[in-house]
Amino acid sequence: MVASVSCEPSMVDRLRALGVYPCAALIVLKISPRKKVWFVRTESARIALGAELAACIGVQ
């Protein structure tokens, strides 16, 4: 579950459109071997996030 999203406002809006927002379900599908890409699933999308952006998403 997403606890918080703390990045620039335009990116917060983009993530919200993909289903990443506080209290939303978020499932980590895979992390690349060098931990530079995180593959996640929300109710509405499958997303590949760079490590810097993934670090902006707080989870419970």
N, C-alpha and C. Protein backbone atom coordinates (compact mmCIF):
# COMPACT_ATOMS: atom_id res chain seq x y z
N MET A 1 0.84 -1.17 0.00
CA MET A 1 0.00 0.00 0.00
C MET A 1 0.89 1.24 0.00
N VAL A 2 0.52 2.21 -0.80
CA VAL A 2 1.29 3.45 -0.90
C VAL A 2 0.96 4.33 0.31
N ALA A 3 1.99 4.76 1.02
CA ALA A 3 1.81 5.65 2.18
C ALA A 3 1.93 7.11 1.77
N SER A 4 2.89 7.40 0.86
CA SER A 4 3.09 8.78 0.43
C SER A 4 3.81 8.81 -0.90
N VAL A 5 3.66 9.94 -1.60
CA VAL A 5 4.38 10.18 -2.84
C VAL A 5 4.98 11.58 -2.71
N SER A 6 6.31 11.64 -2.64
CA SER A 6 6.97 12.93 -2.42
C SER A 6 7.98 13.22 -3.52
N CYS A 7 7.50 13.85 -4.58
CA CYS A 7 8.36 14.30 -5.67
C CYS A 7 7.72 15.55 -6.26
N GLU A 8 8.26 16.05 -7.34
CA GLU A 8 7.75 17.30 -7.90
C GLU A 8 6.28 17.13 -8.33
N PRO A 9 5.50 18.20 -8.25
CA PRO A 9 4.05 18.12 -8.51
C PRO A 9 3.67 17.51 -9.86
N SER A 10 4.41 17.80 -10.91
CA SER A 10 4.06 17.24 -12.21
C SER A 10 4.22 15.71 -12.22
N MET A 11 5.22 15.22 -11.51
CA MET A 11 5.42 13.77 -11.43
C MET A 11 4.37 13.12 -10.54
N VAL A 12 3.98 13.81 -9.47
CA VAL A 12 2.90 13.30 -8.61
C VAL A 12 1.63 13.13 -9.43
N ASP A 13 1.32 14.10 -10.29
CA ASP A 13 0.12 14.01 -11.14
C ASP A 13 0.23 12.84 -12.11
N ARG A 14 1.40 12.65 -12.69
CA ARG A 14 1.59 11.55 -13.64
C ARG A 14 1.45 10.20 -12.94
N LEU A 15 2.04 10.07 -11.76
CA LEU A 15 1.92 8.82 -11.01
C LEU A 15 0.48 8.57 -10.58
N ARG A 16 -0.23 9.63 -10.18
CA ARG A 16 -1.64 9.47 -9.79
C ARG A 16 -2.45 8.92 -10.97
N ALA A 17 -2.18 9.41 -12.17
CA ALA A 17 -2.90 8.91 -13.36
C ALA A 17 -2.62 7.43 -13.61
N LEU A 18 -1.46 6.95 -13.16
CA LEU A 18 -1.11 5.54 -13.31
C LEU A 18 -1.54 4.69 -12.12
N GLY A 19 -2.17 5.30 -11.13
CA GLY A 19 -2.68 4.56 -9.98
C GLY A 19 -1.77 4.54 -8.77
N VAL A 20 -0.75 5.40 -8.76
CA VAL A 20 0.16 5.48 -7.61
C VAL A 20 -0.20 6.74 -6.81
N TYR A 21 -0.91 6.54 -5.71
CA TYR A 21 -1.33 7.64 -4.84
C TYR A 21 -1.54 7.07 -3.44
N PRO A 22 -1.55 7.91 -2.41
CA PRO A 22 -1.70 7.41 -1.04
C PRO A 22 -2.92 6.50 -0.88
N CYS A 23 -2.73 5.41 -0.18
CA CYS A 23 -3.74 4.37 0.12
C CYS A 23 -4.04 3.44 -1.06
N ALA A 24 -3.33 3.58 -2.17
CA ALA A 24 -3.53 2.69 -3.32
C ALA A 24 -2.68 1.43 -3.14
N ALA A 25 -3.18 0.33 -3.70
CA ALA A 25 -2.42 -0.92 -3.68
C ALA A 25 -1.30 -0.84 -4.70
N LEU A 26 -0.11 -1.29 -4.31
CA LEU A 26 1.06 -1.28 -5.19
C LEU A 26 1.81 -2.59 -4.96
N ILE A 27 2.05 -3.32 -6.03
CA ILE A 27 2.75 -4.60 -5.93
C ILE A 27 4.06 -4.50 -6.70
N VAL A 28 5.16 -4.81 -6.03
CA VAL A 28 6.47 -4.85 -6.70
C VAL A 28 6.58 -6.19 -7.41
N LEU A 29 6.69 -6.15 -8.72
CA LEU A 29 6.78 -7.38 -9.51
C LEU A 29 8.21 -7.88 -9.63
N LYS A 30 9.14 -6.94 -9.82
CA LYS A 30 10.53 -7.32 -10.05
C LYS A 30 11.42 -6.09 -9.85
N ILE A 31 12.64 -6.33 -9.42
CA ILE A 31 13.64 -5.28 -9.31
C ILE A 31 14.82 -5.73 -10.15
N SER A 32 15.33 -4.84 -11.00
CA SER A 32 16.45 -5.21 -11.87
C SER A 32 17.67 -5.58 -11.03
N PRO A 33 18.59 -6.37 -11.59
CA PRO A 33 19.75 -6.84 -10.84
C PRO A 33 20.57 -5.71 -10.20
N ARG A 34 20.68 -4.59 -10.84
CA ARG A 34 21.46 -3.48 -10.27
C ARG A 34 20.58 -2.48 -9.51
N LYS A 35 19.32 -2.85 -9.33
CA LYS A 35 18.33 -2.04 -8.59
C LYS A 35 18.14 -0.65 -9.18
N LYS A 36 18.28 -0.55 -10.51
CA LYS A 36 18.06 0.73 -11.18
C LYS A 36 16.65 0.87 -11.72
N VAL A 37 15.95 -0.25 -11.90
CA VAL A 37 14.57 -0.24 -12.41
C VAL A 37 13.70 -1.11 -11.53
N TRP A 38 12.56 -0.57 -11.14
CA TRP A 38 11.57 -1.30 -10.33
C TRP A 38 10.33 -1.48 -11.19
N PHE A 39 9.88 -2.71 -11.34
CA PHE A 39 8.67 -3.01 -12.08
C PHE A 39 7.55 -3.21 -11.05
N VAL A 40 6.50 -2.40 -11.16
CA VAL A 40 5.41 -2.45 -10.20
C VAL A 40 4.07 -2.54 -10.92
N ARG A 41 3.06 -2.98 -10.16
CA ARG A 41 1.71 -3.07 -10.71
C ARG A 41 0.76 -2.33 -9.78
N THR A 42 -0.14 -1.57 -10.37
CA THR A 42 -1.22 -0.93 -9.64
C THR A 42 -2.52 -1.53 -10.16
N GLU A 43 -3.64 -1.03 -9.69
CA GLU A 43 -4.92 -1.55 -10.19
C GLU A 43 -5.11 -1.26 -11.67
N SER A 44 -4.50 -0.18 -12.17
CA SER A 44 -4.76 0.22 -13.55
C SER A 44 -3.57 0.13 -14.49
N ALA A 45 -2.37 -0.20 -13.99
CA ALA A 45 -1.20 -0.18 -14.87
C ALA A 45 -0.06 -1.05 -14.35
N ARG A 46 0.80 -1.43 -15.27
CA ARG A 46 2.10 -2.01 -14.93
C ARG A 46 3.12 -0.96 -15.33
N ILE A 47 4.05 -0.66 -14.43
CA ILE A 47 4.94 0.48 -14.62
C ILE A 47 6.38 0.07 -14.34
N ALA A 48 7.30 0.60 -15.13
CA ALA A 48 8.73 0.47 -14.87
C ALA A 48 9.19 1.82 -14.34
N LEU A 49 9.68 1.84 -13.11
CA LEU A 49 10.12 3.08 -12.48
C LEU A 49 11.64 3.07 -12.31
N GLY A 50 12.26 4.20 -12.59
CA GLY A 50 13.68 4.33 -12.28
C GLY A 50 13.85 4.37 -10.77
N ALA A 51 15.03 4.00 -10.29
CA ALA A 51 15.28 3.92 -8.85
C ALA A 51 15.04 5.26 -8.14
N GLU A 52 15.39 6.37 -8.78
CA GLU A 52 15.20 7.68 -8.17
C GLU A 52 13.72 7.99 -7.96
N LEU A 53 12.90 7.67 -8.94
CA LEU A 53 11.47 7.89 -8.81
C LEU A 53 10.85 6.90 -7.82
N ALA A 54 11.28 5.66 -7.86
CA ALA A 54 10.76 4.66 -6.92
C ALA A 54 11.04 5.06 -5.49
N ALA A 55 12.18 5.73 -5.26
CA ALA A 55 12.54 6.15 -3.92
C ALA A 55 11.61 7.25 -3.39
N CYS A 56 10.88 7.91 -4.26
CA CYS A 56 9.92 8.96 -3.87
C CYS A 56 8.60 8.39 -3.36
N ILE A 57 8.41 7.09 -3.51
CA ILE A 57 7.15 6.46 -3.13
C ILE A 57 7.35 5.74 -1.81
N GLY A 58 6.64 6.21 -0.80
CA GLY A 58 6.69 5.56 0.52
C GLY A 58 5.61 4.49 0.58
N VAL A 59 5.95 3.34 1.14
CA VAL A 59 4.98 2.24 1.23
C VAL A 59 4.85 1.75 2.67
N GLN A 60 3.75 1.06 2.93
CA GLN A 60 3.51 0.45 4.24
C GLN A 60 3.57 -1.05 4.09
